[in-house]
Amino acid sequence: MKMSLKDWKVWMRALIDGLEASLSAADAAPQIAKLTALRKQLDGPTVARHRKRLEEALDALVESDVALQIASRRCLRPRVQEAMQKALVTME
């Protein structure tokens, strides 16, 4: 199923907000600045090619920064566990 542009923007903003909220206060300033710059790119019109570049930029940013890797685990682990539980319930 293809995600609409509006849904994709909501999803990306929620992901970036979740990463920002999961950052440690001790080392958050440079990462927050990078995430804010990425969030601003969501405001403009986007086509599929632009969306892919933004997704790749977010992936590269998380892969290149240990603090963001830790924040991504904090942010995504509960979502993945919830999705797995729902999938198990659906399969039963």
PDB file of N, CA and C in Angstrom:
ATOM      1  N   MET A   1       0.840  -1.174   0.000  1.00  0.00           N
ATOM      2  CA  MET A   1       0.000   0.000   0.000  1.00  0.00           C
ATOM      3  C   MET A   1       0.889   1.243   0.000  1.00  0.00           C
ATOM      4  N   LYS A   2       0.589   2.151  -0.885  1.00  0.00           N
ATOM      5  CA  LYS A   2       1.377   3.369  -0.999  1.00  0.00           C
ATOM      6  C   LYS A   2       0.863   4.417  -0.016  1.00  0.00           C
ATOM      7  N   MET A   3       1.807   5.083   0.652  1.00  0.00           N
ATOM      8  CA  MET A   3       1.466   6.101   1.642  1.00  0.00           C
ATOM      9  C   MET A   3       1.272   7.447   0.935  1.00  0.00           C
ATOM     10  N   SER A   4       0.229   8.166   1.326  1.00  0.00           N
ATOM     11  CA  SER A   4      -0.003   9.482   0.744  1.00  0.00           C
ATOM     12  C   SER A   4       1.067  10.454   1.247  1.00  0.00           C
ATOM     13  N   LEU A   5       1.227  11.555   0.527  1.00  0.00           N
ATOM     14  CA  LEU A   5       2.214  12.563   0.904  1.00  0.00           C
ATOM     15  C   LEU A   5       1.923  13.103   2.303  1.00  0.00           C
ATOM     16  N   LYS A   6       0.659  13.371   2.590  1.00  0.00           N
ATOM     17  CA  LYS A   6       0.287  13.898   3.896  1.00  0.00           C
ATOM     18  C   LYS A   6       0.635  12.899   5.006  1.00  0.00           C
ATOM     19  N   ASP A   7       0.297  11.638   4.796  1.00  0.00           N
ATOM     20  CA  ASP A   7       0.607  10.610   5.795  1.00  0.00           C
ATOM     21  C   ASP A   7       2.110  10.441   5.964  1.00  0.00           C
ATOM     22  N   TRP A   8       2.851  10.510   4.861  1.00  0.00           N
ATOM     23  CA  TRP A   8       4.304  10.368   4.917  1.00  0.00           C
ATOM     24  C   TRP A   8       4.919  11.504   5.730  1.00  0.00           C
ATOM     25  N   LYS A   9       4.442  12.734   5.508  1.00  0.00           N
ATOM     26  CA  LYS A   9       4.971  13.877   6.261  1.00  0.00           C
ATOM     27  C   LYS A   9       4.662  13.741   7.750  1.00  0.00           C
ATOM     28  N   VAL A  10       3.458  13.301   8.078  1.00  0.00           N
ATOM     29  CA  VAL A  10       3.092  13.099   9.481  1.00  0.00           C
ATOM     30  C   VAL A  10       3.998  12.039  10.089  1.00  0.00           C
ATOM     31  N   TRP A  11       4.206  10.948   9.377  1.00  0.00           N
ATOM     32  CA  TRP A  11       5.045   9.857   9.863  1.00  0.00           C
ATOM     33  C   TRP A  11       6.486  10.319  10.067  1.00  0.00           C
ATOM     34  N   MET A  12       7.043  11.047   9.093  1.00  0.00           N
ATOM     35  CA  MET A  12       8.425  11.533   9.208  1.00  0.00           C
ATOM     36  C   MET A  12       8.567  12.528  10.360  1.00  0.00           C
ATOM     37  N   ARG A  13       7.610  13.442  10.505  1.00  0.00           N
ATOM     38  CA  ARG A  13       7.666  14.398  11.626  1.00  0.00           C
ATOM     39  C   ARG A  13       7.604  13.664  12.963  1.00  0.00           C
ATOM     40  N   ALA A  14       6.729  12.673  13.063  1.00  0.00           N
ATOM     41  CA  ALA A  14       6.618  11.904  14.304  1.00  0.00           C
ATOM     42  C   ALA A  14       7.916  11.163  14.596  1.00  0.00           C
ATOM     43  N   LEU A  15       8.546  10.632  13.563  1.00  0.00           N
ATOM     44  CA  LEU A  15       9.814   9.930  13.754  1.00  0.00           C
ATOM     45  C   LEU A  15      10.907  10.891  14.209  1.00  0.00           C
ATOM     46  N   ILE A  16      11.011  12.032  13.566  1.00  0.00           N
ATOM     47  CA  ILE A  16      12.021  13.025  13.944  1.00  0.00           C
ATOM     48  C   ILE A  16      11.746  13.559  15.350  1.00  0.00           C
ATOM     49  N   ASP A  17      10.483  13.820  15.671  1.00  0.00           N
ATOM     50  CA  ASP A  17      10.128  14.279  17.019  1.00  0.00           C
ATOM     51  C   ASP A  17      10.465  13.221  18.061  1.00  0.00           C
ATOM     52  N   GLY A  18      10.204  11.957  17.738  1.00  0.00           N
ATOM     53  CA  GLY A  18      10.516  10.877  18.659  1.00  0.00           C
ATOM     54  C   GLY A  18      12.005  10.741  18.901  1.00  0.00           C
ATOM     55  N   LEU A  19      12.785  10.878  17.833  1.00  0.00           N
ATOM     56  CA  LEU A  19      14.244  10.833  17.988  1.00  0.00           C
ATOM     57  C   LEU A  19      14.718  11.982  18.875  1.00  0.00           C
ATOM     58  N   GLU A  20      14.188  13.166  18.618  1.00  0.00           N
ATOM     59  CA  GLU A  20      14.583  14.342  19.397  1.00  0.00           C
ATOM     60  C   GLU A  20      14.218  14.176  20.871  1.00  0.00           C
ATOM     61  N   ALA A  21      13.045  13.648  21.135  1.00  0.00           N
ATOM     62  CA  ALA A  21      12.613  13.458  22.521  1.00  0.00           C
ATOM     63  C   ALA A  21      13.421  12.371  23.223  1.00  0.00           C
ATOM     64  N   SER A  22      13.950  11.421  22.464  1.00  0.00           N
ATOM     65  CA  SER A  22      14.697  10.308  23.047  1.00  0.00           C
ATOM     66  C   SER A  22      16.174  10.609  23.246  1.00  0.00           C
ATOM     67  N   LEU A  23      16.622  11.759  22.766  1.00  0.00           N
ATOM     68  CA  LEU A  23      18.033  12.118  22.940  1.00  0.00           C
ATOM     69  C   LEU A  23      18.341  12.424  24.396  1.00  0.00           C
ATOM     70  N   SER A  24      19.534  12.099  24.794  1.00  0.00           N
ATOM     71  CA  SER A  24      20.010  12.446  26.131  1.00  0.00           C
ATOM     72  C   SER A  24      20.225  13.948  26.186  1.00  0.00           C
ATOM     73  N   ALA A  25      19.871  14.558  27.288  1.00  0.00           N
ATOM     74  CA  ALA A  25      20.017  16.011  27.432  1.00  0.00           C
ATOM     75  C   ALA A  25      21.481  16.438  27.409  1.00  0.00           C
ATOM     76  N   ALA A  26      22.380  15.543  27.781  1.00  0.00           N
ATOM     77  CA  ALA A  26      23.804  15.891  27.874  1.00  0.00           C
ATOM     78  C   ALA A  26      24.427  16.195  26.514  1.00  0.00           C
ATOM     79  N   ASP A  27      23.988  15.507  25.479  1.00  0.00           N
ATOM     80  CA  ASP A  27      24.649  15.697  24.184  1.00  0.00           C
ATOM     81  C   ASP A  27      23.657  15.942  23.060  1.00  0.00           C
ATOM     82  N   ALA A  28      22.592  16.657  23.336  1.00  0.00           N
ATOM     83  CA  ALA A  28      21.518  16.798  22.362  1.00  0.00           C
ATOM     84  C   ALA A  28      21.648  17.974  21.400  1.00  0.00           C
ATOM     85  N   ALA A  29      22.388  19.004  21.744  1.00  0.00           N
ATOM     86  CA  ALA A  29      22.379  20.235  20.936  1.00  0.00           C
ATOM     87  C   ALA A  29      22.762  20.018  19.463  1.00  0.00           C
ATOM     88  N   PRO A  30      23.882  19.380  19.135  1.00  0.00           N
ATOM     89  CA  PRO A  30      24.211  19.229  17.713  1.00  0.00           C
ATOM     90  C   PRO A  30      23.215  18.334  16.978  1.00  0.00           C
ATOM     91  N   GLN A  31      22.733  17.294  17.654  1.00  0.00           N
ATOM     92  CA  GLN A  31      21.786  16.389  17.007  1.00  0.00           C
ATOM     93  C   GLN A  31      20.441  17.073  16.770  1.00  0.00           C
ATOM     94  N   ILE A  32      20.004  17.880  17.738  1.00  0.00           N
ATOM     95  CA  ILE A  32      18.738  18.597  17.574  1.00  0.00           C
ATOM     96  C   ILE A  32      18.824  19.561  16.400  1.00  0.00           C
ATOM     97  N   ALA A  33      19.953  20.217  16.236  1.00  0.00           N
ATOM     98  CA  ALA A  33      20.135  21.139  15.109  1.00  0.00           C
ATOM     99  C   ALA A  33      20.037  20.388  13.783  1.00  0.00           C
ATOM    100  N   LYS A  34      20.640  19.211  13.712  1.00  0.00           N
ATOM    101  CA  LYS A  34      20.585  18.414  12.477  1.00  0.00           C
ATOM    102  C   LYS A  34      19.168  17.923  12.207  1.00  0.00           C
ATOM    103  N   LEU A  35      18.472  17.486  13.250  1.00  0.00           N
ATOM    104  CA  LEU A  35      17.097  17.023  13.076  1.00  0.00           C
ATOM    105  C   LEU A  35      16.161  18.172  12.684  1.00  0.00           C
ATOM    106  N   THR A  36      16.415  19.346  13.234  1.00  0.00           N
ATOM    107  CA  THR A  36      15.605  20.518  12.889  1.00  0.00           C
ATOM    108  C   THR A  36      15.786  20.882  11.416  1.00  0.00           C
ATOM    109  N   ALA A  37      17.011  20.816  10.940  1.00  0.00           N
ATOM    110  CA  ALA A  37      17.273  21.102   9.522  1.00  0.00           C
ATOM    111  C   ALA A  37      16.553  20.096   8.626  1.00  0.00           C
ATOM    112  N   LEU A  38      16.550  18.846   9.037  1.00  0.00           N
ATOM    113  CA  LEU A  38      15.860  17.819   8.268  1.00  0.00           C
ATOM    114  C   LEU A  38      14.346  18.033   8.306  1.00  0.00           C
ATOM    115  N   ARG A  39      13.828  18.427   9.471  1.00  0.00           N
ATOM    116  CA  ARG A  39      12.396  18.688   9.609  1.00  0.00           C
ATOM    117  C   ARG A  39      11.958  19.841   8.709  1.00  0.00           C
ATOM    118  N   LYS A  40      12.800  20.862   8.575  1.00  0.00           N
ATOM    119  CA  LYS A  40      12.455  22.016   7.726  1.00  0.00           C
ATOM    120  C   LYS A  40      12.317  21.613   6.267  1.00  0.00           C
ATOM    121  N   GLN A  41      13.066  20.594   5.850  1.00  0.00           N
ATOM    122  CA  GLN A  41      12.983  20.127   4.463  1.00  0.00           C
ATOM    123  C   GLN A  41      11.637  19.462   4.172  1.00  0.00           C
ATOM    124  N   LEU A  42      10.936  19.032   5.202  1.00  0.00           N
ATOM    125  CA  LEU A  42       9.620  18.416   5.010  1.00  0.00           C
ATOM    126  C   LEU A  42       8.555  19.430   4.627  1.00  0.00           C
ATOM    127  N   ASP A  43       8.800  20.720   4.913  1.00  0.00           N
ATOM    128  CA  ASP A  43       7.790  21.746   4.682  1.00  0.00           C
ATOM    129  C   ASP A  43       7.543  22.021   3.199  1.00  0.00           C
ATOM    130  N   GLY A  44       8.551  21.854   2.389  1.00  0.00           N
ATOM    131  CA  GLY A  44       8.400  22.135   0.970  1.00  0.00           C
ATOM    132  C   GLY A  44       7.646  21.033   0.256  1.00  0.00           C
ATOM    133  N   PRO A  45       7.287  21.290  -0.989  1.00  0.00           N
ATOM    134  CA  PRO A  45       6.617  20.236  -1.765  1.00  0.00           C
ATOM    135  C   PRO A  45       7.598  19.090  -2.011  1.00  0.00           C
ATOM    136  N   THR A  46       7.102  17.886  -1.923  1.00  0.00           N
ATOM    137  CA  THR A  46       7.984  16.751  -2.120  1.00  0.00           C
ATOM    138  C   THR A  46       7.405  15.796  -3.147  1.00  0.00           C
ATOM    139  N   VAL A  47       8.272  15.277  -3.965  1.00  0.00           N
ATOM    140  CA  VAL A  47       7.925  14.221  -4.908  1.00  0.00           C
ATOM    141  C   VAL A  47       8.603  12.948  -4.409  1.00  0.00           C
ATOM    142  N   ALA A  48       8.296  11.848  -5.026  1.00  0.00           N
ATOM    143  CA  ALA A  48       8.827  10.561  -4.556  1.00  0.00           C
ATOM    144  C   ALA A  48      10.349  10.578  -4.457  1.00  0.00           C
ATOM    145  N   ARG A  49      11.002  11.170  -5.414  1.00  0.00           N
ATOM    146  CA  ARG A  49      12.467  11.232  -5.419  1.00  0.00           C
ATOM    147  C   ARG A  49      12.978  12.027  -4.218  1.00  0.00           C
ATOM    148  N   HIS A  50      12.317  13.126  -3.913  1.00  0.00           N
ATOM    149  CA  HIS A  50      12.698  13.970  -2.774  1.00  0.00           C
ATOM    150  C   HIS A  50      12.442  13.239  -1.459  1.00  0.00           C
ATOM    151  N   ARG A  51      11.332  12.521  -1.388  1.00  0.00           N
ATOM    152  CA  ARG A  51      11.032  11.746  -0.180  1.00  0.00           C
ATOM    153  C   ARG A  51      12.121  10.713   0.070  1.00  0.00           C
ATOM    154  N   LYS A  52      12.518  10.036  -0.980  1.00  0.00           N
ATOM    155  CA  LYS A  52      13.552   9.004  -0.850  1.00  0.00           C
ATOM    156  C   LYS A  52      14.855   9.627  -0.344  1.00  0.00           C
ATOM    157  N   ARG A  53      15.217  10.795  -0.877  1.00  0.00           N
ATOM    158  CA  ARG A  53      16.435  11.471  -0.417  1.00  0.00           C
ATOM    159  C   ARG A  53      16.355  11.854   1.052  1.00  0.00           C
ATOM    160  N   LEU A  54      15.198  12.332   1.491  1.00  0.00           N
ATOM    161  CA  LEU A  54      15.031  12.689   2.904  1.00  0.00           C
ATOM    162  C   LEU A  54      15.123  11.451   3.799  1.00  0.00           C
ATOM    163  N   GLU A  55      14.531  10.351   3.360  1.00  0.00           N
ATOM    164  CA  GLU A  55      14.631   9.111   4.135  1.00  0.00           C
ATOM    165  C   GLU A  55      16.082   8.645   4.221  1.00  0.00           C
ATOM    166  N   GLU A  56      16.788   8.731   3.106  1.00  0.00           N
ATOM    167  CA  GLU A  56      18.200   8.323   3.090  1.00  0.00           C
ATOM    168  C   GLU A  56      19.052   9.261   3.951  1.00  0.00           C
ATOM    169  N   ALA A  57      18.722  10.552   3.941  1.00  0.00           N
ATOM    170  CA  ALA A  57      19.466  11.508   4.769  1.00  0.00           C
ATOM    171  C   ALA A  57      19.247  11.218   6.252  1.00  0.00           C
ATOM    172  N   LEU A  58      18.014  10.882   6.626  1.00  0.00           N
ATOM    173  CA  LEU A  58      17.736  10.533   8.020  1.00  0.00           C
ATOM    174  C   LEU A  58      18.473   9.253   8.407  1.00  0.00           C
ATOM    175  N   ASP A  59      18.452   8.253   7.522  1.00  0.00           N
ATOM    176  CA  ASP A  59      19.186   7.006   7.792  1.00  0.00           C
ATOM    177  C   ASP A  59      20.672   7.275   7.977  1.00  0.00           C
ATOM    178  N   ALA A  60      21.247   8.073   7.082  1.00  0.00           N
ATOM    179  CA  ALA A  60      22.678   8.374   7.171  1.00  0.00           C
ATOM    180  C   ALA A  60      23.003   9.142   8.442  1.00  0.00           C
ATOM    181  N   LEU A  61      22.132  10.067   8.816  1.00  0.00           N
ATOM    182  CA  LEU A  61      22.343  10.847  10.036  1.00  0.00           C
ATOM    183  C   LEU A  61      22.347   9.940  11.265  1.00  0.00           C
ATOM    184  N   VAL A  62      21.388   9.037  11.340  1.00  0.00           N
ATOM    185  CA  VAL A  62      21.315   8.127  12.486  1.00  0.00           C
ATOM    186  C   VAL A  62      22.521   7.183  12.499  1.00  0.00           C
ATOM    187  N   GLU A  63      22.908   6.676  11.332  1.00  0.00           N
ATOM    188  CA  GLU A  63      24.040   5.757  11.260  1.00  0.00           C
ATOM    189  C   GLU A  63      25.361   6.427  11.618  1.00  0.00           C
ATOM    190  N   SER A  64      25.468   7.718  11.379  1.00  0.00           N
ATOM    191  CA  SER A  64      26.739   8.411  11.595  1.00  0.00           C
ATOM    192  C   SER A  64      26.911   8.951  13.014  1.00  0.00           C
ATOM    193  N   ASP A  65      25.879   8.880  13.834  1.00  0.00           N
ATOM    194  CA  ASP A  65      25.924   9.503  15.156  1.00  0.00           C
ATOM    195  C   ASP A  65      25.482   8.504  16.224  1.00  0.00           C
ATOM    196  N   VAL A  66      26.372   8.201  17.146  1.00  0.00           N
ATOM    197  CA  VAL A  66      26.083   7.207  18.186  1.00  0.00           C
ATOM    198  C   VAL A  66      24.911   7.642  19.065  1.00  0.00           C
ATOM    199  N   ALA A  67      24.848   8.923  19.411  1.00  0.00           N
ATOM    200  CA  ALA A  67      23.751   9.411  20.259  1.00  0.00           C
ATOM    201  C   ALA A  67      22.406   9.212  19.564  1.00  0.00           C
ATOM    202  N   LEU A  68      22.353   9.424  18.252  1.00  0.00           N
ATOM    203  CA  LEU A  68      21.105   9.219  17.510  1.00  0.00           C
ATOM    204  C   LEU A  68      20.792   7.732  17.363  1.00  0.00           C
ATOM    205  N   GLN A  69      21.805   6.898  17.294  1.00  0.00           N
ATOM    206  CA  GLN A  69      21.563   5.448  17.246  1.00  0.00           C
ATOM    207  C   GLN A  69      20.887   4.993  18.538  1.00  0.00           C
ATOM    208  N   ILE A  70      21.399   5.476  19.658  1.00  0.00           N
ATOM    209  CA  ILE A  70      20.813   5.126  20.957  1.00  0.00           C
ATOM    210  C   ILE A  70      19.393   5.680  21.056  1.00  0.00           C
ATOM    211  N   ALA A  71      19.205   6.915  20.611  1.00  0.00           N
ATOM    212  CA  ALA A  71      17.874   7.525  20.652  1.00  0.00           C
ATOM    213  C   ALA A  71      16.898   6.763  19.756  1.00  0.00           C
ATOM    214  N   SER A  72      17.369   6.292  18.618  1.00  0.00           N
ATOM    215  CA  SER A  72      16.479   5.550  17.716  1.00  0.00           C
ATOM    216  C   SER A  72      16.036   4.239  18.357  1.00  0.00           C
ATOM    217  N   ARG A  73      16.941   3.588  19.082  1.00  0.00           N
ATOM    218  CA  ARG A  73      16.547   2.358  19.779  1.00  0.00           C
ATOM    219  C   ARG A  73      15.504   2.657  20.849  1.00  0.00           C
ATOM    220  N   ARG A  74      15.712   3.741  21.594  1.00  0.00           N
ATOM    221  CA  ARG A  74      14.747   4.132  22.632  1.00  0.00           C
ATOM    222  C   ARG A  74      13.388   4.469  22.028  1.00  0.00           C
ATOM    223  N   CYS A  75      13.420   5.131  20.893  1.00  0.00           N
ATOM    224  CA  CYS A  75      12.199   5.609  20.245  1.00  0.00           C
ATOM    225  C   CYS A  75      11.447   4.474  19.549  1.00  0.00           C
ATOM    226  N   LEU A  76      12.158   3.618  18.845  1.00  0.00           N
ATOM    227  CA  LEU A  76      11.512   2.620  17.995  1.00  0.00           C
ATOM    228  C   LEU A  76      11.207   1.300  18.693  1.00  0.00           C
ATOM    229  N   ARG A  77      11.965   0.950  19.712  1.00  0.00           N
ATOM    230  CA  ARG A  77      11.750  -0.352  20.372  1.00  0.00           C
ATOM    231  C   ARG A  77      10.304  -0.542  20.835  1.00  0.00           C
ATOM    232  N   PRO A  78       9.689   0.434  21.539  1.00  0.00           N
ATOM    233  CA  PRO A  78       8.293   0.226  21.962  1.00  0.00           C
ATOM    234  C   PRO A  78       7.337   0.097  20.775  1.00  0.00           C
ATOM    235  N   ARG A  79       7.582   0.834  19.711  1.00  0.00           N
ATOM    236  CA  ARG A  79       6.712   0.763  18.531  1.00  0.00           C
ATOM    237  C   ARG A  79       6.812  -0.602  17.861  1.00  0.00           C
ATOM    238  N   VAL A  80       8.020  -1.129  17.773  1.00  0.00           N
ATOM    239  CA  VAL A  80       8.220  -2.433  17.146  1.00  0.00           C
ATOM    240  C   VAL A  80       7.576  -3.517  18.005  1.00  0.00           C
ATOM    241  N   GLN A  81       7.757  -3.442  19.308  1.00  0.00           N
ATOM    242  CA  GLN A  81       7.156  -4.438  20.196  1.00  0.00           C
ATOM    243  C   GLN A  81       5.633  -4.411  20.099  1.00  0.00           C
ATOM    244  N   GLU A  82       5.066  -3.226  20.038  1.00  0.00           N
ATOM    245  CA  GLU A  82       3.611  -3.102  19.908  1.00  0.00           C
ATOM    246  C   GLU A  82       3.131  -3.688  18.583  1.00  0.00           C
ATOM    247  N   ALA A  83       3.857  -3.395  17.507  1.00  0.00           N
ATOM    248  CA  ALA A  83       3.489  -3.922  16.197  1.00  0.00           C
ATOM    249  C   ALA A  83       3.588  -5.452  16.183  1.00  0.00           C
ATOM    250  N   MET A  84       4.609  -5.996  16.828  1.00  0.00           N
ATOM    251  CA  MET A  84       4.760  -7.450  16.900  1.00  0.00           C
ATOM    252  C   MET A  84       3.610  -8.071  17.681  1.00  0.00           C
ATOM    253  N   GLN A  85       3.212  -7.474  18.782  1.00  0.00           N
ATOM    254  CA  GLN A  85       2.099  -7.989  19.568  1.00  0.00           C
ATOM    255  C   GLN A  85       0.801  -7.976  18.754  1.00  0.00           C
ATOM    256  N   LYS A  86       0.571  -6.884  18.027  1.00  0.00           N
ATOM    257  CA  LYS A  86      -0.640  -6.793  17.191  1.00  0.00           C
ATOM    258  C   LYS A  86      -0.593  -7.834  16.087  1.00  0.00           C
ATOM    259  N   ALA A  87       0.561  -8.066  15.510  1.00  0.00           N
ATOM    260  CA  ALA A  87       0.690  -9.072  14.463  1.00  0.00           C
ATOM    261  C   ALA A  87       0.412 -10.469  15.013  1.00  0.00           C
ATOM    262  N   LEU A  88       0.919 -10.753  16.205  1.00  0.00           N
ATOM    263  CA  LEU A  88       0.663 -12.058  16.823  1.00  0.00           C
ATOM    264  C   LEU A  88      -0.817 -12.252  17.109  1.00  0.00           C
ATOM    265  N   VAL A  89      -1.470 -11.213  17.612  1.00  0.00           N
ATOM    266  CA  VAL A  89      -2.910 -11.296  17.879  1.00  0.00           C
ATOM    267  C   VAL A  89      -3.679 -11.524  16.584  1.00  0.00           C
ATOM    268  N   THR A  90      -3.276 -10.847  15.537  1.00  0.00           N
ATOM    269  CA  THR A  90      -3.941 -10.995  14.251  1.00  0.00           C
ATOM    270  C   THR A  90      -3.766 -12.407  13.697  1.00  0.00           C
ATOM    271  N   MET A  91      -2.579 -12.974  13.890  1.00  0.00           N
ATOM    272  CA  MET A  91      -2.325 -14.315  13.383  1.00  0.00           C
ATOM    273  C   MET A  91      -3.118 -15.385  14.130  1.00  0.00           C
ATOM    274  N   GLU A  92      -3.431 -15.123  15.391  1.00  0.00           N
ATOM    275  CA  GLU A  92      -4.203 -16.089  16.180  1.00  0.00           C
ATOM    276  C   GLU A  92      -5.622 -16.009  15.783  1.00  0.00           C
TER     277      GLU A  92
END
